PDB file of N, CA and C in Angstrom:
ATOM      1  N   UNK A   1      -1.739 -24.907   4.846  1.00  0.00           N
ATOM      2  CA  UNK A   1      -1.097 -23.635   5.031  1.00  0.00           C
ATOM      3  C   UNK A   1      -1.488 -22.630   3.933  1.00  0.00           C
ATOM      4  N   UNK A   2      -1.719 -23.171   2.728  1.00  0.00           N
ATOM      5  CA  UNK A   2      -2.132 -22.279   1.645  1.00  0.00           C
ATOM      6  C   UNK A   2      -3.476 -21.631   1.936  1.00  0.00           C
ATOM      7  N   UNK A   3      -4.354 -22.369   2.583  1.00  0.00           N
ATOM      8  CA  UNK A   3      -5.660 -21.824   2.931  1.00  0.00           C
ATOM      9  C   UNK A   3      -5.531 -20.659   3.909  1.00  0.00           C
ATOM     10  N   UNK A   4      -4.603 -20.771   4.842  1.00  0.00           N
ATOM     11  CA  UNK A   4      -4.359 -19.702   5.806  1.00  0.00           C
ATOM     12  C   UNK A   4      -3.860 -18.449   5.095  1.00  0.00           C
ATOM     13  N   UNK A   5      -2.882 -18.613   4.186  1.00  0.00           N
ATOM     14  CA  UNK A   5      -2.363 -17.470   3.440  1.00  0.00           C
ATOM     15  C   UNK A   5      -3.438 -16.848   2.562  1.00  0.00           C
ATOM     16  N   UNK A   6      -4.290 -17.669   1.997  1.00  0.00           N
ATOM     17  CA  UNK A   6      -5.380 -17.155   1.172  1.00  0.00           C
ATOM     18  C   UNK A   6      -6.375 -16.364   2.015  1.00  0.00           C
ATOM     19  N   UNK A   7      -6.700 -16.856   3.204  1.00  0.00           N
ATOM     20  CA  UNK A   7      -7.605 -16.135   4.099  1.00  0.00           C
ATOM     21  C   UNK A   7      -7.006 -14.796   4.520  1.00  0.00           C
ATOM     22  N   UNK A   8      -5.735 -14.804   4.870  1.00  0.00           N
ATOM     23  CA  UNK A   8      -5.074 -13.554   5.265  1.00  0.00           C
ATOM     24  C   UNK A   8      -5.035 -12.570   4.095  1.00  0.00           C
ATOM     25  N   UNK A   9      -4.799 -13.075   2.883  1.00  0.00           N
ATOM     26  CA  UNK A   9      -4.778 -12.201   1.707  1.00  0.00           C
ATOM     27  C   UNK A   9      -6.137 -11.558   1.467  1.00  0.00           C
ATOM     28  N   UNK A  10      -7.191 -12.308   1.623  1.00  0.00           N
ATOM     29  CA  UNK A  10      -8.537 -11.757   1.445  1.00  0.00           C
ATOM     30  C   UNK A  10      -8.827 -10.719   2.524  1.00  0.00           C
ATOM     31  N   UNK A  11      -8.409 -10.993   3.749  1.00  0.00           N
ATOM     32  CA  UNK A  11      -8.621 -10.042   4.840  1.00  0.00           C
ATOM     33  C   UNK A  11      -7.860  -8.740   4.594  1.00  0.00           C
ATOM     34  N   UNK A  12      -6.621  -8.832   4.138  1.00  0.00           N
ATOM     35  CA  UNK A  12      -5.843  -7.623   3.841  1.00  0.00           C
ATOM     36  C   UNK A  12      -6.464  -6.878   2.663  1.00  0.00           C
ATOM     37  N   UNK A  13      -6.997  -7.618   1.685  1.00  0.00           N
ATOM     38  CA  UNK A  13      -7.691  -6.979   0.571  1.00  0.00           C
ATOM     39  C   UNK A  13      -8.901  -6.180   1.036  1.00  0.00           C
ATOM     40  N   UNK A  14      -9.620  -6.696   2.023  1.00  0.00           N
ATOM     41  CA  UNK A  14     -10.750  -5.948   2.581  1.00  0.00           C
ATOM     42  C   UNK A  14     -10.277  -4.708   3.334  1.00  0.00           C
ATOM     43  N   UNK A  15      -9.138  -4.821   3.994  1.00  0.00           N
ATOM     44  CA  UNK A  15      -8.593  -3.651   4.689  1.00  0.00           C
ATOM     45  C   UNK A  15      -8.153  -2.566   3.714  1.00  0.00           C
ATOM     46  N   UNK A  16      -7.759  -2.962   2.520  1.00  0.00           N
ATOM     47  CA  UNK A  16      -7.397  -1.980   1.501  1.00  0.00           C
ATOM     48  C   UNK A  16      -8.600  -1.112   1.162  1.00  0.00           C
ATOM     49  N   UNK A  17      -9.781  -1.712   1.119  1.00  0.00           N
ATOM     50  CA  UNK A  17     -10.973  -0.922   0.826  1.00  0.00           C
ATOM     51  C   UNK A  17     -11.291   0.084   1.936  1.00  0.00           C
ATOM     52  N   UNK A  18     -10.970  -0.245   3.176  1.00  0.00           N
ATOM     53  CA  UNK A  18     -11.143   0.733   4.253  1.00  0.00           C
ATOM     54  C   UNK A  18     -10.195   1.907   4.081  1.00  0.00           C
ATOM     55  N   UNK A  19      -8.979   1.616   3.679  1.00  0.00           N
ATOM     56  CA  UNK A  19      -8.018   2.699   3.431  1.00  0.00           C
ATOM     57  C   UNK A  19      -8.411   3.510   2.203  1.00  0.00           C
ATOM     58  N   UNK A  20      -9.017   2.846   1.225  1.00  0.00           N
ATOM     59  CA  UNK A  20      -9.477   3.556   0.036  1.00  0.00           C
ATOM     60  C   UNK A  20     -10.574   4.560   0.393  1.00  0.00           C
ATOM     61  N   UNK A  21     -11.395   4.226   1.367  1.00  0.00           N
ATOM     62  CA  UNK A  21     -12.398   5.174   1.849  1.00  0.00           C
ATOM     63  C   UNK A  21     -11.722   6.430   2.390  1.00  0.00           C
ATOM     64  N   UNK A  22     -10.614   6.255   3.119  1.00  0.00           N
ATOM     65  CA  UNK A  22      -9.880   7.399   3.669  1.00  0.00           C
ATOM     66  C   UNK A  22      -9.265   8.234   2.546  1.00  0.00           C
ATOM     67  N   UNK A  23      -8.827   7.585   1.489  1.00  0.00           N
ATOM     68  CA  UNK A  23      -8.236   8.314   0.360  1.00  0.00           C
ATOM     69  C   UNK A  23      -9.296   9.137  -0.356  1.00  0.00           C
ATOM     70  N   UNK A  24     -10.464   8.590  -0.526  1.00  0.00           N
ATOM     71  CA  UNK A  24     -11.508   9.290  -1.277  1.00  0.00           C
ATOM     72  C   UNK A  24     -12.186  10.364  -0.437  1.00  0.00           C
ATOM     73  N   UNK A  25     -12.503  10.053   0.813  1.00  0.00           N
ATOM     74  CA  UNK A  25     -13.270  10.979   1.644  1.00  0.00           C
ATOM     75  C   UNK A  25     -12.474  11.543   2.813  1.00  0.00           C
ATOM     76  N   UNK A  26     -11.153  11.588   2.695  1.00  0.00           N
ATOM     77  CA  UNK A  26     -10.317  12.089   3.788  1.00  0.00           C
ATOM     78  C   UNK A  26     -10.564  13.556   4.075  1.00  0.00           C
ATOM     79  N   UNK A  27     -10.369  13.982   5.325  1.00  0.00           N
ATOM     80  CA  UNK A  27     -10.622  15.385   5.659  1.00  0.00           C
ATOM     81  C   UNK A  27      -9.571  16.341   5.093  1.00  0.00           C
ATOM     82  N   UNK A  28      -8.375  15.889   4.848  1.00  0.00           N
ATOM     83  CA  UNK A  28      -7.327  16.770   4.330  1.00  0.00           C
ATOM     84  C   UNK A  28      -6.448  16.034   3.337  1.00  0.00           C
ATOM     85  N   UNK A  29      -5.608  16.809   2.668  1.00  0.00           N
ATOM     86  CA  UNK A  29      -4.762  16.221   1.635  1.00  0.00           C
ATOM     87  C   UNK A  29      -3.723  15.277   2.237  1.00  0.00           C
ATOM     88  N   UNK A  30      -3.213  15.585   3.418  1.00  0.00           N
ATOM     89  CA  UNK A  30      -2.191  14.726   4.013  1.00  0.00           C
ATOM     90  C   UNK A  30      -2.790  13.422   4.545  1.00  0.00           C
ATOM     91  N   UNK A  31      -4.040  13.457   5.011  1.00  0.00           N
ATOM     92  CA  UNK A  31      -4.717  12.221   5.395  1.00  0.00           C
ATOM     93  C   UNK A  31      -4.931  11.327   4.179  1.00  0.00           C
ATOM     94  N   UNK A  32      -5.248  11.933   3.058  1.00  0.00           N
ATOM     95  CA  UNK A  32      -5.414  11.160   1.822  1.00  0.00           C
ATOM     96  C   UNK A  32      -4.087  10.578   1.367  1.00  0.00           C
ATOM     97  N   UNK A  33      -3.032  11.341   1.504  1.00  0.00           N
ATOM     98  CA  UNK A  33      -1.706  10.865   1.118  1.00  0.00           C
ATOM     99  C   UNK A  33      -1.254   9.701   1.998  1.00  0.00           C
ATOM    100  N   UNK A  34      -1.506   9.798   3.277  1.00  0.00           N
ATOM    101  CA  UNK A  34      -1.156   8.697   4.183  1.00  0.00           C
ATOM    102  C   UNK A  34      -2.007   7.465   3.882  1.00  0.00           C
ATOM    103  N   UNK A  35      -3.273   7.664   3.543  1.00  0.00           N
ATOM    104  CA  UNK A  35      -4.125   6.539   3.162  1.00  0.00           C
ATOM    105  C   UNK A  35      -3.609   5.827   1.922  1.00  0.00           C
ATOM    106  N   UNK A  36      -3.141   6.596   0.951  1.00  0.00           N
ATOM    107  CA  UNK A  36      -2.573   5.982  -0.255  1.00  0.00           C
ATOM    108  C   UNK A  36      -1.281   5.243   0.066  1.00  0.00           C
ATOM    109  N   UNK A  37      -0.496   5.775   0.971  1.00  0.00           N
ATOM    110  CA  UNK A  37       0.733   5.101   1.378  1.00  0.00           C
ATOM    111  C   UNK A  37       0.440   3.798   2.107  1.00  0.00           C
ATOM    112  N   UNK A  38      -0.588   3.800   2.926  1.00  0.00           N
ATOM    113  CA  UNK A  38      -0.971   2.574   3.637  1.00  0.00           C
ATOM    114  C   UNK A  38      -1.474   1.521   2.649  1.00  0.00           C
ATOM    115  N   UNK A  39      -2.181   1.949   1.610  1.00  0.00           N
ATOM    116  CA  UNK A  39      -2.605   1.003   0.578  1.00  0.00           C
ATOM    117  C   UNK A  39      -1.386   0.385  -0.092  1.00  0.00           C
ATOM    118  N   UNK A  40      -0.362   1.193  -0.338  1.00  0.00           N
ATOM    119  CA  UNK A  40       0.869   0.661  -0.916  1.00  0.00           C
ATOM    120  C   UNK A  40       1.545  -0.345  -0.009  1.00  0.00           C
ATOM    121  N   UNK A  41       1.536  -0.092   1.288  1.00  0.00           N
ATOM    122  CA  UNK A  41       2.143  -1.021   2.234  1.00  0.00           C
ATOM    123  C   UNK A  41       1.367  -2.332   2.296  1.00  0.00           C
ATOM    124  N   UNK A  42       0.058  -2.243   2.273  1.00  0.00           N
ATOM    125  CA  UNK A  42      -0.754  -3.461   2.273  1.00  0.00           C
ATOM    126  C   UNK A  42      -0.566  -4.245   0.974  1.00  0.00           C
ATOM    127  N   UNK A  43      -0.336  -3.550  -0.113  1.00  0.00           N
ATOM    128  CA  UNK A  43      -0.066  -4.219  -1.372  1.00  0.00           C
ATOM    129  C   UNK A  43       1.247  -4.995  -1.303  1.00  0.00           C
ATOM    130  N   UNK A  44       2.214  -4.442  -0.592  1.00  0.00           N
ATOM    131  CA  UNK A  44       3.485  -5.160  -0.399  1.00  0.00           C
ATOM    132  C   UNK A  44       3.258  -6.488   0.315  1.00  0.00           C
ATOM    133  N   UNK A  45       2.478  -6.463   1.362  1.00  0.00           N
ATOM    134  CA  UNK A  45       2.228  -7.701   2.089  1.00  0.00           C
ATOM    135  C   UNK A  45       1.435  -8.690   1.234  1.00  0.00           C
ATOM    136  N   UNK A  46       0.517  -8.167   0.410  1.00  0.00           N
ATOM    137  CA  UNK A  46      -0.215  -9.055  -0.489  1.00  0.00           C
ATOM    138  C   UNK A  46       0.714  -9.703  -1.506  1.00  0.00           C
ATOM    139  N   UNK A  47       1.684  -8.953  -2.008  1.00  0.00           N
ATOM    140  CA  UNK A  47       2.642  -9.526  -2.953  1.00  0.00           C
ATOM    141  C   UNK A  47       3.464 -10.640  -2.314  1.00  0.00           C
ATOM    142  N   UNK A  48       3.902 -10.430  -1.094  1.00  0.00           N
ATOM    143  CA  UNK A  48       4.683 -11.467  -0.417  1.00  0.00           C
ATOM    144  C   UNK A  48       3.824 -12.689  -0.129  1.00  0.00           C
ATOM    145  N   UNK A  49       2.579 -12.474   0.272  1.00  0.00           N
ATOM    146  CA  UNK A  49       1.680 -13.604   0.504  1.00  0.00           C
ATOM    147  C   UNK A  49       1.381 -14.361  -0.786  1.00  0.00           C
ATOM    148  N   UNK A  50       1.289 -13.645  -1.895  1.00  0.00           N
ATOM    149  CA  UNK A  50       1.119 -14.319  -3.178  1.00  0.00           C
ATOM    150  C   UNK A  50       2.339 -15.174  -3.500  1.00  0.00           C
ATOM    151  N   UNK A  51       3.502 -14.701  -3.117  1.00  0.00           N
ATOM    152  CA  UNK A  51       4.706 -15.497  -3.305  1.00  0.00           C
ATOM    153  C   UNK A  51       4.655 -16.790  -2.519  1.00  0.00           C
ATOM    154  N   UNK A  52       4.145 -16.743  -1.308  1.00  0.00           N
ATOM    155  CA  UNK A  52       3.985 -17.961  -0.517  1.00  0.00           C
ATOM    156  C   UNK A  52       2.959 -18.901  -1.140  1.00  0.00           C
ATOM    157  N   UNK A  53       1.865 -18.348  -1.635  1.00  0.00           N
ATOM    158  CA  UNK A  53       0.809 -19.176  -2.216  1.00  0.00           C
ATOM    159  C   UNK A  53       1.304 -19.873  -3.485  1.00  0.00           C
ATOM    160  N   UNK A  54       2.012 -19.130  -4.355  1.00  0.00           N
ATOM    161  CA  UNK A  54       2.492 -19.699  -5.613  1.00  0.00           C
ATOM    162  C   UNK A  54       3.851 -20.386  -5.491  1.00  0.00           C
ATOM    163  N   UNK A  55       4.407 -20.395  -4.271  1.00  0.00           N
ATOM    164  CA  UNK A  55       5.706 -21.026  -3.997  1.00  0.00           C
ATOM    165  C   UNK A  55       6.830 -20.433  -4.842  1.00  0.00           C
ATOM    166  N   UNK A  56       6.779 -19.117  -5.061  1.00  0.00           N
ATOM    167  CA  UNK A  56       7.814 -18.383  -5.770  1.00  0.00           C
ATOM    168  C   UNK A  56       8.162 -17.129  -4.968  1.00  0.00           C
ATOM    169  N   UNK A  57       8.526 -17.330  -3.725  1.00  0.00           N
ATOM    170  CA  UNK A  57       8.745 -16.206  -2.817  1.00  0.00           C
ATOM    171  C   UNK A  57       9.902 -15.323  -3.277  1.00  0.00           C
ATOM    172  N   UNK A  58      10.913 -15.898  -3.918  1.00  0.00           N
ATOM    173  CA  UNK A  58      12.064 -15.111  -4.348  1.00  0.00           C
ATOM    174  C   UNK A  58      11.673 -14.055  -5.382  1.00  0.00           C
ATOM    175  N   UNK A  59      10.839 -14.423  -6.333  1.00  0.00           N
ATOM    176  CA  UNK A  59      10.419 -13.478  -7.363  1.00  0.00           C
ATOM    177  C   UNK A  59       9.520 -12.391  -6.777  1.00  0.00           C
ATOM    178  N   UNK A  60       8.583 -12.772  -5.920  1.00  0.00           N
ATOM    179  CA  UNK A  60       7.637 -11.804  -5.380  1.00  0.00           C
ATOM    180  C   UNK A  60       8.292 -10.861  -4.367  1.00  0.00           C
ATOM    181  N   UNK A  61       9.330 -11.308  -3.687  1.00  0.00           N
ATOM    182  CA  UNK A  61      10.044 -10.410  -2.776  1.00  0.00           C
ATOM    183  C   UNK A  61      10.788  -9.345  -3.572  1.00  0.00           C
ATOM    184  N   UNK A  62      11.378  -9.721  -4.696  1.00  0.00           N
ATOM    185  CA  UNK A  62      12.044  -8.737  -5.543  1.00  0.00           C
ATOM    186  C   UNK A  62      11.059  -7.698  -6.070  1.00  0.00           C
ATOM    187  N   UNK A  63       9.907  -8.154  -6.510  1.00  0.00           N
ATOM    188  CA  UNK A  63       8.884  -7.238  -7.007  1.00  0.00           C
ATOM    189  C   UNK A  63       8.400  -6.317  -5.893  1.00  0.00           C
ATOM    190  N   UNK A  64       8.216  -6.863  -4.702  1.00  0.00           N
ATOM    191  CA  UNK A  64       7.722  -6.041  -3.594  1.00  0.00           C
ATOM    192  C   UNK A  64       8.762  -5.027  -3.135  1.00  0.00           C
ATOM    193  N   UNK A  65      10.044  -5.357  -3.225  1.00  0.00           N
ATOM    194  CA  UNK A  65      11.079  -4.379  -2.864  1.00  0.00           C
ATOM    195  C   UNK A  65      11.078  -3.191  -3.828  1.00  0.00           C
ATOM    196  N   UNK A  66      10.928  -3.468  -5.110  1.00  0.00           N
ATOM    197  CA  UNK A  66      10.851  -2.375  -6.088  1.00  0.00           C
ATOM    198  C   UNK A  66       9.605  -1.538  -5.842  1.00  0.00           C
ATOM    199  N   UNK A  67       8.500  -2.201  -5.553  1.00  0.00           N
ATOM    200  CA  UNK A  67       7.257  -1.481  -5.281  1.00  0.00           C
ATOM    201  C   UNK A  67       7.380  -0.636  -4.011  1.00  0.00           C
ATOM    202  N   UNK A  68       8.084  -1.140  -3.013  1.00  0.00           N
ATOM    203  CA  UNK A  68       8.269  -0.387  -1.774  1.00  0.00           C
ATOM    204  C   UNK A  68       9.085   0.872  -2.025  1.00  0.00           C
ATOM    205  N   UNK A  69      10.125   0.761  -2.827  1.00  0.00           N
ATOM    206  CA  UNK A  69      10.924   1.946  -3.147  1.00  0.00           C
ATOM    207  C   UNK A  69      10.108   2.981  -3.910  1.00  0.00           C
ATOM    208  N   UNK A  70       9.327   2.526  -4.882  1.00  0.00           N
ATOM    209  CA  UNK A  70       8.474   3.460  -5.622  1.00  0.00           C
ATOM    210  C   UNK A  70       7.430   4.105  -4.721  1.00  0.00           C
ATOM    211  N   UNK A  71       6.839   3.345  -3.830  1.00  0.00           N
ATOM    212  CA  UNK A  71       5.847   3.876  -2.903  1.00  0.00           C
ATOM    213  C   UNK A  71       6.469   4.938  -2.007  1.00  0.00           C
ATOM    214  N   UNK A  72       7.665   4.667  -1.509  1.00  0.00           N
ATOM    215  CA  UNK A  72       8.344   5.615  -0.632  1.00  0.00           C
ATOM    216  C   UNK A  72       8.687   6.905  -1.373  1.00  0.00           C
ATOM    217  N   UNK A  73       9.236   6.777  -2.576  1.00  0.00           N
ATOM    218  CA  UNK A  73       9.637   7.965  -3.338  1.00  0.00           C
ATOM    219  C   UNK A  73       8.428   8.809  -3.704  1.00  0.00           C
ATOM    220  N   UNK A  74       7.348   8.180  -4.123  1.00  0.00           N
ATOM    221  CA  UNK A  74       6.145   8.932  -4.501  1.00  0.00           C
ATOM    222  C   UNK A  74       5.528   9.617  -3.288  1.00  0.00           C
ATOM    223  N   UNK A  75       5.525   8.961  -2.143  1.00  0.00           N
ATOM    224  CA  UNK A  75       4.965   9.566  -0.935  1.00  0.00           C
ATOM    225  C   UNK A  75       5.771  10.788  -0.506  1.00  0.00           C
ATOM    226  N   UNK A  76       7.088  10.668  -0.522  1.00  0.00           N
ATOM    227  CA  UNK A  76       7.938  11.808  -0.144  1.00  0.00           C
ATOM    228  C   UNK A  76       7.787  12.949  -1.145  1.00  0.00           C
ATOM    229  N   UNK A  77       7.777  12.632  -2.433  1.00  0.00           N
ATOM    230  CA  UNK A  77       7.660  13.675  -3.453  1.00  0.00           C
ATOM    231  C   UNK A  77       6.317  14.388  -3.364  1.00  0.00           C
ATOM    232  N   UNK A  78       5.254  13.645  -3.171  1.00  0.00           N
ATOM    233  CA  UNK A  78       3.928  14.263  -3.083  1.00  0.00           C
ATOM    234  C   UNK A  78       3.802  15.118  -1.827  1.00  0.00           C
ATOM    235  N   UNK A  79       4.345  14.645  -0.708  1.00  0.00           N
ATOM    236  CA  UNK A  79       4.245  15.441   0.521  1.00  0.00           C
ATOM    237  C   UNK A  79       5.068  16.726   0.409  1.00  0.00           C
ATOM    238  N   UNK A  80       6.234  16.666  -0.221  1.00  0.00           N
ATOM    239  CA  UNK A  80       7.014  17.895  -0.425  1.00  0.00           C
ATOM    240  C   UNK A  80       6.284  18.854  -1.351  1.00  0.00           C
ATOM    241  N   UNK A  81       5.669  18.317  -2.385  1.00  0.00           N
ATOM    242  CA  UNK A  81       4.934  19.161  -3.314  1.00  0.00           C
ATOM    243  C   UNK A  81       3.785  19.889  -2.615  1.00  0.00           C
ATOM    244  N   UNK A  82       3.004  19.139  -1.828  1.00  0.00           N
ATOM    245  CA  UNK A  82       1.869  19.763  -1.155  1.00  0.00           C
ATOM    246  C   UNK A  82       2.303  20.704  -0.036  1.00  0.00           C
ATOM    247  N   UNK A  83       3.444  20.465   0.581  1.00  0.00           N
ATOM    248  CA  UNK A  83       3.952  21.398   1.582  1.00  0.00           C
ATOM    249  C   UNK A  83       4.366  22.718   0.939  1.00  0.00           C
ATOM    250  N   UNK A  84       5.040  22.628  -0.195  1.00  0.00           N
ATOM    251  CA  UNK A  84       5.464  23.857  -0.886  1.00  0.00           C
ATOM    252  C   UNK A  84       4.273  24.620  -1.464  1.00  0.00           C
ATOM    253  N   UNK A  85       3.287  23.883  -1.936  1.00  0.00           N
ATOM    254  CA  UNK A  85       2.111  24.514  -2.520  1.00  0.00           C
ATOM    255  C   UNK A  85       1.263  25.166  -1.428  1.00  0.00           C
ATOM    256  N   UNK A  86       1.328  24.630  -0.222  1.00  0.00           N
ATOM    257  CA  UNK A  86       0.546  25.175   0.875  1.00  0.00           C
ATOM    258  C   UNK A  86      -0.854  24.618   0.939  1.00  0.00           C
ATOM    259  N   UNK A  87      -1.066  23.464   0.317  1.00  0.00           N
ATOM    260  CA  UNK A  87      -2.397  22.838   0.318  1.00  0.00           C
ATOM    261  C   UNK A  87      -2.613  22.091   1.618  1.00  0.00           C
ATOM    262  N   UNK A  88      -3.648  22.464   2.328  1.00  0.00           N
ATOM    263  CA  UNK A  88      -3.988  21.752   3.562  1.00  0.00           C
ATOM    264  C   UNK A  88      -5.327  21.051   3.432  1.00  0.00           C
ATOM    265  N   UNK A  89      -6.112  21.388   2.467  1.00  0.00           N
ATOM    266  CA  UNK A  89      -7.418  20.737   2.280  1.00  0.00           C
ATOM    267  C   UNK A  89      -7.575  20.226   0.895  1.00  0.00           C
TER     268      UNK A  89
END
């Protein structure tokens, strides 16, 4: 079962690089912001999978919950900032 979780973790890590491409070369600021948010969400799943691999799911779930809250707050704050600034590109 650990091999399965390790394979899934590597696959999600590769998907992070696809989202990173969207963050770097996105057509607009909001596409880049959504790409960064998706990277944060994939990081959450990687943290939980690491908890399964290391058999410490309780600790990694706590860390991922804090990370999820920070990701959400930063995404909302950045989107409000760019809306008020009027940046579309």
